[in-house]
């Protein structure tokens, strides 16, 4: 499997739940730009902990590796994960 962002490093990730009728969305920030999308296996009732686990799987699919992130809720339904590890 080719990891489309294998040569980039995660700077931060934003997980957000914009509407009560939708699942979680994400934005991954790297030095090169932003990749965003929906966590397809999430539902309106998916908890942040479940969404975070799905995001970790998504990062593995995109980058081919995990990223250590420090999560903080920045506003209700919006979480930011700052990368703890340096560039790959």
PDB file of N, CA and C in Angstrom:
ATOM      1  N   UNK A   1       0.840  -1.177   0.000  1.00  0.00           N
ATOM      2  CA  UNK A   1       0.000   0.000   0.000  1.00  0.00           C
ATOM      3  C   UNK A   1       0.886   1.240   0.000  1.00  0.00           C
ATOM      4  N   UNK A   2       0.547   2.183  -0.860  1.00  0.00           N
ATOM      5  CA  UNK A   2       1.271   3.443  -0.923  1.00  0.00           C
ATOM      6  C   UNK A   2       0.615   4.451   0.009  1.00  0.00           C
ATOM      7  N   UNK A   3       1.405   5.029   0.861  1.00  0.00           N
ATOM      8  CA  UNK A   3       0.903   6.038   1.798  1.00  0.00           C
ATOM      9  C   UNK A   3       1.130   7.405   1.162  1.00  0.00           C
ATOM     10  N   UNK A   4       0.040   8.090   0.848  1.00  0.00           N
ATOM     11  CA  UNK A   4       0.138   9.298   0.034  1.00  0.00           C
ATOM     12  C   UNK A   4       0.902  10.445   0.692  1.00  0.00           C
ATOM     13  N   UNK A   5       1.023  10.421   2.018  1.00  0.00           N
ATOM     14  CA  UNK A   5       1.731  11.491   2.728  1.00  0.00           C
ATOM     15  C   UNK A   5       2.952  10.961   3.483  1.00  0.00           C
ATOM     16  N   UNK A   6       3.521   9.863   3.008  1.00  0.00           N
ATOM     17  CA  UNK A   6       4.603   9.190   3.721  1.00  0.00           C
ATOM     18  C   UNK A   6       5.820  10.084   3.954  1.00  0.00           C
ATOM     19  N   UNK A   7       6.065  11.059   3.083  1.00  0.00           N
ATOM     20  CA  UNK A   7       7.252  11.909   3.214  1.00  0.00           C
ATOM     21  C   UNK A   7       6.999  13.194   3.989  1.00  0.00           C
ATOM     22  N   UNK A   8       5.812  13.328   4.557  1.00  0.00           N
ATOM     23  CA  UNK A   8       5.476  14.529   5.310  1.00  0.00           C
ATOM     24  C   UNK A   8       5.348  14.206   6.792  1.00  0.00           C
ATOM     25  N   UNK A   9       5.416  15.243   7.619  1.00  0.00           N
ATOM     26  CA  UNK A   9       5.284  15.093   9.067  1.00  0.00           C
ATOM     27  C   UNK A   9       4.049  15.845   9.545  1.00  0.00           C
ATOM     28  N   UNK A  10       3.316  15.231  10.453  1.00  0.00           N
ATOM     29  CA  UNK A  10       2.134  15.859  11.028  1.00  0.00           C
ATOM     30  C   UNK A  10       2.564  16.974  11.968  1.00  0.00           C
ATOM     31  N   UNK A  11       1.967  18.146  11.806  1.00  0.00           N
ATOM     32  CA  UNK A  11       2.177  19.247  12.755  1.00  0.00           C
ATOM     33  C   UNK A  11       1.038  19.273  13.767  1.00  0.00           C
ATOM     34  N   UNK A  12      -0.202  19.140  13.252  1.00  0.00           N
ATOM     35  CA  UNK A  12      -1.365  19.107  14.133  1.00  0.00           C
ATOM     36  C   UNK A  12      -2.540  18.473  13.397  1.00  0.00           C
ATOM     37  N   UNK A  13      -3.519  18.072  14.193  1.00  0.00           N
ATOM     38  CA  UNK A  13      -4.749  17.481  13.673  1.00  0.00           C
ATOM     39  C   UNK A  13      -5.911  18.158  14.379  1.00  0.00           C
ATOM     40  N   UNK A  14      -6.936  18.503  13.630  1.00  0.00           N
ATOM     41  CA  UNK A  14      -8.160  19.030  14.220  1.00  0.00           C
ATOM     42  C   UNK A  14      -9.264  18.012  13.955  1.00  0.00           C
ATOM     43  N   UNK A  15      -9.935  17.603  15.020  1.00  0.00           N
ATOM     44  CA  UNK A  15     -11.114  16.739  14.930  1.00  0.00           C
ATOM     45  C   UNK A  15     -12.307  17.572  15.345  1.00  0.00           C
ATOM     46  N   UNK A  16     -13.351  17.545  14.542  1.00  0.00           N
ATOM     47  CA  UNK A  16     -14.506  18.354  14.903  1.00  0.00           C
ATOM     48  C   UNK A  16     -15.800  17.671  14.504  1.00  0.00           C
ATOM     49  N   UNK A  17     -16.817  18.015  15.217  1.00  0.00           N
ATOM     50  CA  UNK A  17     -18.148  17.447  15.066  1.00  0.00           C
ATOM     51  C   UNK A  17     -19.070  18.619  14.763  1.00  0.00           C
ATOM     52  N   UNK A  18     -19.168  19.028  13.476  1.00  0.00           N
ATOM     53  CA  UNK A  18     -19.809  20.297  13.143  1.00  0.00           C
ATOM     54  C   UNK A  18     -21.323  20.361  13.360  1.00  0.00           C
ATOM     55  N   UNK A  19     -22.003  19.255  13.140  1.00  0.00           N
ATOM     56  CA  UNK A  19     -23.464  19.258  13.258  1.00  0.00           C
ATOM     57  C   UNK A  19     -23.911  18.005  14.001  1.00  0.00           C
ATOM     58  N   UNK A  20     -24.972  18.102  14.792  1.00  0.00           N
ATOM     59  CA  UNK A  20     -25.436  16.936  15.541  1.00  0.00           C
ATOM     60  C   UNK A  20     -25.924  15.786  14.658  1.00  0.00           C
ATOM     61  N   UNK A  21     -26.170  16.057  13.378  1.00  0.00           N
ATOM     62  CA  UNK A  21     -26.655  15.008  12.481  1.00  0.00           C
ATOM     63  C   UNK A  21     -25.546  14.389  11.635  1.00  0.00           C
ATOM     64  N   UNK A  22     -24.301  14.816  11.824  1.00  0.00           N
ATOM     65  CA  UNK A  22     -23.167  14.316  11.041  1.00  0.00           C
ATOM     66  C   UNK A  22     -22.132  13.665  11.943  1.00  0.00           C
ATOM     67  N   UNK A  23     -21.291  12.839  11.326  1.00  0.00           N
ATOM     68  CA  UNK A  23     -20.164  12.269  12.042  1.00  0.00           C
ATOM     69  C   UNK A  23     -19.016  13.263  12.121  1.00  0.00           C
ATOM     70  N   UNK A  24     -17.885  12.789  12.610  1.00  0.00           N
ATOM     71  CA  UNK A  24     -16.702  13.631  12.820  1.00  0.00           C
ATOM     72  C   UNK A  24     -15.996  13.926  11.502  1.00  0.00           C
ATOM     73  N   UNK A  25     -15.379  15.090  11.445  1.00  0.00           N
ATOM     74  CA  UNK A  25     -14.534  15.515  10.329  1.00  0.00           C
ATOM     75  C   UNK A  25     -13.124  15.772  10.871  1.00  0.00           C
ATOM     76  N   UNK A  26     -12.156  15.869   9.971  1.00  0.00           N
ATOM     77  CA  UNK A  26     -10.775  16.119  10.409  1.00  0.00           C
ATOM     78  C   UNK A  26     -10.054  17.017   9.426  1.00  0.00           C
ATOM     79  N   UNK A  27      -8.991  17.641   9.924  1.00  0.00           N
ATOM     80  CA  UNK A  27      -8.034  18.381   9.110  1.00  0.00           C
ATOM     81  C   UNK A  27      -6.652  18.044   9.666  1.00  0.00           C
ATOM     82  N   UNK A  28      -5.757  17.597   8.795  1.00  0.00           N
ATOM     83  CA  UNK A  28      -4.387  17.257   9.181  1.00  0.00           C
ATOM     84  C   UNK A  28      -3.468  18.302   8.575  1.00  0.00           C
ATOM     85  N   UNK A  29      -2.709  18.974   9.425  1.00  0.00           N
ATOM     86  CA  UNK A  29      -1.794  20.028   8.989  1.00  0.00           C
ATOM     87  C   UNK A  29      -0.364  19.487   8.974  1.00  0.00           C
ATOM     88  N   UNK A  30       0.305  19.695   7.830  1.00  0.00           N
ATOM     89  CA  UNK A  30       1.715  19.332   7.673  1.00  0.00           C
ATOM     90  C   UNK A  30       2.456  20.581   7.199  1.00  0.00           C
ATOM     91  N   UNK A  31       3.759  20.462   7.019  1.00  0.00           N
ATOM     92  CA  UNK A  31       4.524  21.596   6.485  1.00  0.00           C
ATOM     93  C   UNK A  31       4.092  21.935   5.065  1.00  0.00           C
ATOM     94  N   UNK A  32       3.579  20.941   4.353  1.00  0.00           N
ATOM     95  CA  UNK A  32       3.222  21.127   2.949  1.00  0.00           C
ATOM     96  C   UNK A  32       1.799  21.610   2.723  1.00  0.00           C
ATOM     97  N   UNK A  33       0.927  21.498   3.727  1.00  0.00           N
ATOM     98  CA  UNK A  33      -0.448  21.926   3.523  1.00  0.00           C
ATOM     99  C   UNK A  33      -1.424  21.241   4.457  1.00  0.00           C
ATOM    100  N   UNK A  34      -2.664  21.099   3.993  1.00  0.00           N
ATOM    101  CA  UNK A  34      -3.752  20.560   4.794  1.00  0.00           C
ATOM    102  C   UNK A  34      -4.444  19.439   4.020  1.00  0.00           C
ATOM    103  N   UNK A  35      -4.756  18.369   4.718  1.00  0.00           N
ATOM    104  CA  UNK A  35      -5.569  17.286   4.180  1.00  0.00           C
ATOM    105  C   UNK A  35      -6.786  17.171   5.080  1.00  0.00           C
ATOM    106  N   UNK A  36      -7.974  17.156   4.485  1.00  0.00           N
ATOM    107  CA  UNK A  36      -9.166  17.081   5.328  1.00  0.00           C
ATOM    108  C   UNK A  36     -10.150  16.050   4.789  1.00  0.00           C
ATOM    109  N   UNK A  37     -11.120  15.715   5.628  1.00  0.00           N
ATOM    110  CA  UNK A  37     -12.114  14.739   5.216  1.00  0.00           C
ATOM    111  C   UNK A  37     -13.030  14.356   6.359  1.00  0.00           C
ATOM    112  N   UNK A  38     -13.800  13.299   6.136  1.00  0.00           N
ATOM    113  CA  UNK A  38     -14.720  12.768   7.146  1.00  0.00           C
ATOM    114  C   UNK A  38     -14.186  11.454   7.661  1.00  0.00           C
ATOM    115  N   UNK A  39     -14.404  11.200   8.930  1.00  0.00           N
ATOM    116  CA  UNK A  39     -14.118   9.885   9.490  1.00  0.00           C
ATOM    117  C   UNK A  39     -15.307   9.010   9.121  1.00  0.00           C
ATOM    118  N   UNK A  40     -15.157   8.199   8.096  1.00  0.00           N
ATOM    119  CA  UNK A  40     -16.280   7.492   7.499  1.00  0.00           C
ATOM    120  C   UNK A  40     -16.977   6.534   8.443  1.00  0.00           C
ATOM    121  N   UNK A  41     -16.282   5.985   9.412  1.00  0.00           N
ATOM    122  CA  UNK A  41     -16.902   5.043  10.343  1.00  0.00           C
ATOM    123  C   UNK A  41     -17.509   5.732  11.560  1.00  0.00           C
ATOM    124  N   UNK A  42     -17.540   7.056  11.559  1.00  0.00           N
ATOM    125  CA  UNK A  42     -18.128   7.760  12.699  1.00  0.00           C
ATOM    126  C   UNK A  42     -19.598   8.070  12.417  1.00  0.00           C
ATOM    127  N   UNK A  43     -20.366   8.165  13.491  1.00  0.00           N
ATOM    128  CA  UNK A  43     -21.788   8.496  13.410  1.00  0.00           C
ATOM    129  C   UNK A  43     -22.027   9.720  14.300  1.00  0.00           C
ATOM    130  N   UNK A  44     -23.227  10.279  14.281  1.00  0.00           N
ATOM    131  CA  UNK A  44     -23.495  11.415  15.166  1.00  0.00           C
ATOM    132  C   UNK A  44     -23.269  11.097  16.648  1.00  0.00           C
ATOM    133  N   UNK A  45     -23.382   9.829  17.030  1.00  0.00           N
ATOM    134  CA  UNK A  45     -23.212   9.475  18.447  1.00  0.00           C
ATOM    135  C   UNK A  45     -21.799   9.008  18.795  1.00  0.00           C
ATOM    136  N   UNK A  46     -20.867   9.016  17.853  1.00  0.00           N
ATOM    137  CA  UNK A  46     -19.492   8.592  18.117  1.00  0.00           C
ATOM    138  C   UNK A  46     -18.844   9.551  19.114  1.00  0.00           C
ATOM    139  N   UNK A  47     -18.262   8.993  20.171  1.00  0.00           N
ATOM    140  CA  UNK A  47     -17.596   9.811  21.188  1.00  0.00           C
ATOM    141  C   UNK A  47     -16.249  10.321  20.667  1.00  0.00           C
ATOM    142  N   UNK A  48     -15.706  11.317  21.361  1.00  0.00           N
ATOM    143  CA  UNK A  48     -14.382  11.818  20.982  1.00  0.00           C
ATOM    144  C   UNK A  48     -13.344  10.707  21.068  1.00  0.00           C
ATOM    145  N   UNK A  49     -13.404   9.870  22.101  1.00  0.00           N
ATOM    146  CA  UNK A  49     -12.425   8.795  22.260  1.00  0.00           C
ATOM    147  C   UNK A  49     -12.459   7.841  21.071  1.00  0.00           C
ATOM    148  N   UNK A  50     -13.667   7.519  20.596  1.00  0.00           N
ATOM    149  CA  UNK A  50     -13.798   6.657  19.417  1.00  0.00           C
ATOM    150  C   UNK A  50     -13.297   7.371  18.166  1.00  0.00           C
ATOM    151  N   UNK A  51     -13.625   8.651  18.035  1.00  0.00           N
ATOM    152  CA  UNK A  51     -13.169   9.434  16.885  1.00  0.00           C
ATOM    153  C   UNK A  51     -11.644   9.539  16.876  1.00  0.00           C
ATOM    154  N   UNK A  52     -11.061   9.704  18.049  1.00  0.00           N
ATOM    155  CA  UNK A  52      -9.594   9.778  18.147  1.00  0.00           C
ATOM    156  C   UNK A  52      -8.966   8.466  17.679  1.00  0.00           C
ATOM    157  N   UNK A  53      -9.541   7.340  18.058  1.00  0.00           N
ATOM    158  CA  UNK A  53      -9.026   6.037  17.620  1.00  0.00           C
ATOM    159  C   UNK A  53      -9.170   5.882  16.102  1.00  0.00           C
ATOM    160  N   UNK A  54     -10.293   6.315  15.545  1.00  0.00           N
ATOM    161  CA  UNK A  54     -10.473   6.276  14.090  1.00  0.00           C
ATOM    162  C   UNK A  54      -9.470   7.194  13.400  1.00  0.00           C
ATOM    163  N   UNK A  55      -9.168   8.339  14.017  1.00  0.00           N
ATOM    164  CA  UNK A  55      -8.192   9.263  13.447  1.00  0.00           C
ATOM    165  C   UNK A  55      -6.808   8.649  13.426  1.00  0.00           C
ATOM    166  N   UNK A  56      -6.458   7.904  14.479  1.00  0.00           N
ATOM    167  CA  UNK A  56      -5.167   7.223  14.507  1.00  0.00           C
ATOM    168  C   UNK A  56      -5.059   6.227  13.359  1.00  0.00           C
ATOM    169  N   UNK A  57      -6.135   5.519  13.054  1.00  0.00           N
ATOM    170  CA  UNK A  57      -6.146   4.593  11.917  1.00  0.00           C
ATOM    171  C   UNK A  57      -5.984   5.361  10.604  1.00  0.00           C
ATOM    172  N   UNK A  58      -6.654   6.493  10.499  1.00  0.00           N
ATOM    173  CA  UNK A  58      -6.564   7.323   9.300  1.00  0.00           C
ATOM    174  C   UNK A  58      -5.137   7.836   9.105  1.00  0.00           C
ATOM    175  N   UNK A  59      -4.487   8.256  10.184  1.00  0.00           N
ATOM    176  CA  UNK A  59      -3.097   8.715  10.081  1.00  0.00           C
ATOM    177  C   UNK A  59      -2.185   7.586   9.605  1.00  0.00           C
ATOM    178  N   UNK A  60      -2.428   6.374  10.071  1.00  0.00           N
ATOM    179  CA  UNK A  60      -1.635   5.224   9.611  1.00  0.00           C
ATOM    180  C   UNK A  60      -1.845   5.007   8.110  1.00  0.00           C
ATOM    181  N   UNK A  61      -3.084   5.146   7.655  1.00  0.00           N
ATOM    182  CA  UNK A  61      -3.374   4.967   6.233  1.00  0.00           C
ATOM    183  C   UNK A  61      -2.721   6.059   5.388  1.00  0.00           C
ATOM    184  N   UNK A  62      -2.736   7.292   5.865  1.00  0.00           N
ATOM    185  CA  UNK A  62      -2.187   8.412   5.105  1.00  0.00           C
ATOM    186  C   UNK A  62      -0.665   8.472   5.135  1.00  0.00           C
ATOM    187  N   UNK A  63      -0.078   8.259   6.325  1.00  0.00           N
ATOM    188  CA  UNK A  63       1.353   8.474   6.518  1.00  0.00           C
ATOM    189  C   UNK A  63       2.168   7.189   6.640  1.00  0.00           C
ATOM    190  N   UNK A  64       1.501   6.075   6.929  1.00  0.00           N
ATOM    191  CA  UNK A  64       2.218   4.817   7.122  1.00  0.00           C
ATOM    192  C   UNK A  64       2.854   4.702   8.490  1.00  0.00           C
ATOM    193  N   UNK A  65       2.489   5.589   9.394  1.00  0.00           N
ATOM    194  CA  UNK A  65       3.031   5.561  10.758  1.00  0.00           C
ATOM    195  C   UNK A  65       2.073   6.338  11.664  1.00  0.00           C
ATOM    196  N   UNK A  66       2.212   6.114  12.950  1.00  0.00           N
ATOM    197  CA  UNK A  66       1.389   6.854  13.896  1.00  0.00           C
ATOM    198  C   UNK A  66       2.105   8.146  14.283  1.00  0.00           C
ATOM    199  N   UNK A  67       1.361   9.037  14.897  1.00  0.00           N
ATOM    200  CA  UNK A  67       1.921  10.295  15.386  1.00  0.00           C
ATOM    201  C   UNK A  67       1.490  10.481  16.826  1.00  0.00           C
ATOM    202  N   UNK A  68       2.430  10.854  17.681  1.00  0.00           N
ATOM    203  CA  UNK A  68       2.096  11.149  19.072  1.00  0.00           C
ATOM    204  C   UNK A  68       1.501  12.555  19.117  1.00  0.00           C
ATOM    205  N   UNK A  69       0.269  12.640  19.614  1.00  0.00           N
ATOM    206  CA  UNK A  69      -0.440  13.918  19.645  1.00  0.00           C
ATOM    207  C   UNK A  69      -0.900  14.237  21.061  1.00  0.00           C
ATOM    208  N   UNK A  70      -0.837  15.490  21.437  1.00  0.00           N
ATOM    209  CA  UNK A  70      -1.387  15.976  22.707  1.00  0.00           C
ATOM    210  C   UNK A  70      -2.700  16.665  22.371  1.00  0.00           C
ATOM    211  N   UNK A  71      -3.817  16.079  22.837  1.00  0.00           N
ATOM    212  CA  UNK A  71      -5.146  16.567  22.500  1.00  0.00           C
ATOM    213  C   UNK A  71      -5.662  17.579  23.507  1.00  0.00           C
ATOM    214  N   UNK A  72      -6.347  18.601  22.968  1.00  0.00           N
ATOM    215  CA  UNK A  72      -6.964  19.621  23.810  1.00  0.00           C
ATOM    216  C   UNK A  72      -8.282  20.037  23.157  1.00  0.00           C
ATOM    217  N   UNK A  73      -9.344  20.104  23.951  1.00  0.00           N
ATOM    218  CA  UNK A  73     -10.617  20.582  23.424  1.00  0.00           C
ATOM    219  C   UNK A  73     -10.547  22.105  23.358  1.00  0.00           C
ATOM    220  N   UNK A  74     -10.626  22.651  22.150  1.00  0.00           N
ATOM    221  CA  UNK A  74     -10.485  24.091  21.962  1.00  0.00           C
ATOM    222  C   UNK A  74     -11.825  24.819  22.015  1.00  0.00           C
ATOM    223  N   UNK A  75     -12.904  24.130  21.720  1.00  0.00           N
ATOM    224  CA  UNK A  75     -14.277  24.609  21.897  1.00  0.00           C
ATOM    225  C   UNK A  75     -15.171  23.379  21.834  1.00  0.00           C
ATOM    226  N   UNK A  76     -16.422  23.481  22.260  1.00  0.00           N
ATOM    227  CA  UNK A  76     -17.278  22.291  22.284  1.00  0.00           C
ATOM    228  C   UNK A  76     -17.354  21.599  20.912  1.00  0.00           C
ATOM    229  N   UNK A  77     -16.974  20.321  20.897  1.00  0.00           N
ATOM    230  CA  UNK A  77     -17.001  19.545  19.666  1.00  0.00           C
ATOM    231  C   UNK A  77     -15.800  19.737  18.760  1.00  0.00           C
ATOM    232  N   UNK A  78     -14.821  20.539  19.186  1.00  0.00           N
ATOM    233  CA  UNK A  78     -13.610  20.800  18.396  1.00  0.00           C
ATOM    234  C   UNK A  78     -12.390  20.452  19.244  1.00  0.00           C
ATOM    235  N   UNK A  79     -11.559  19.550  18.733  1.00  0.00           N
ATOM    236  CA  UNK A  79     -10.351  19.105  19.434  1.00  0.00           C
ATOM    237  C   UNK A  79      -9.142  19.318  18.533  1.00  0.00           C
ATOM    238  N   UNK A  80      -8.033  19.764  19.125  1.00  0.00           N
ATOM    239  CA  UNK A  80      -6.775  19.928  18.393  1.00  0.00           C
ATOM    240  C   UNK A  80      -5.723  19.020  19.011  1.00  0.00           C
ATOM    241  N   UNK A  81      -5.069  18.246  18.151  1.00  0.00           N
ATOM    242  CA  UNK A  81      -3.967  17.385  18.576  1.00  0.00           C
ATOM    243  C   UNK A  81      -2.672  17.956  18.040  1.00  0.00           C
ATOM    244  N   UNK A  82      -1.809  18.423  18.932  1.00  0.00           N
ATOM    245  CA  UNK A  82      -0.490  18.961  18.533  1.00  0.00           C
ATOM    246  C   UNK A  82       0.530  17.828  18.524  1.00  0.00           C
ATOM    247  N   UNK A  83       1.319  17.771  17.463  1.00  0.00           N
ATOM    248  CA  UNK A  83       2.322  16.709  17.327  1.00  0.00           C
ATOM    249  C   UNK A  83       3.402  16.860  18.389  1.00  0.00           C
ATOM    250  N   UNK A  84       3.741  15.765  19.037  1.00  0.00           N
ATOM    251  CA  UNK A  84       4.811  15.758  20.039  1.00  0.00           C
ATOM    252  C   UNK A  84       6.135  15.303  19.450  1.00  0.00           C
ATOM    253  N   UNK A  85       6.077  14.556  18.342  1.00  0.00           N
ATOM    254  CA  UNK A  85       7.302  14.069  17.726  1.00  0.00           C
ATOM    255  C   UNK A  85       7.724  15.018  16.623  1.00  0.00           C
ATOM    256  N   UNK A  86       8.999  15.057  16.349  1.00  0.00           N
ATOM    257  CA  UNK A  86       9.534  15.952  15.329  1.00  0.00           C
ATOM    258  C   UNK A  86       9.277  15.427  13.941  1.00  0.00           C
ATOM    259  N   UNK A  87       9.688  16.176  12.938  1.00  0.00           N
ATOM    260  CA  UNK A  87       9.526  15.741  11.552  1.00  0.00           C
ATOM    261  C   UNK A  87      10.211  14.423  11.287  1.00  0.00           C
ATOM    262  N   UNK A  88       9.625  13.638  10.392  1.00  0.00           N
ATOM    263  CA  UNK A  88      10.177  12.324  10.054  1.00  0.00           C
ATOM    264  C   UNK A  88      11.401  12.466   9.170  1.00  0.00           C
TER     265      UNK A  88
END
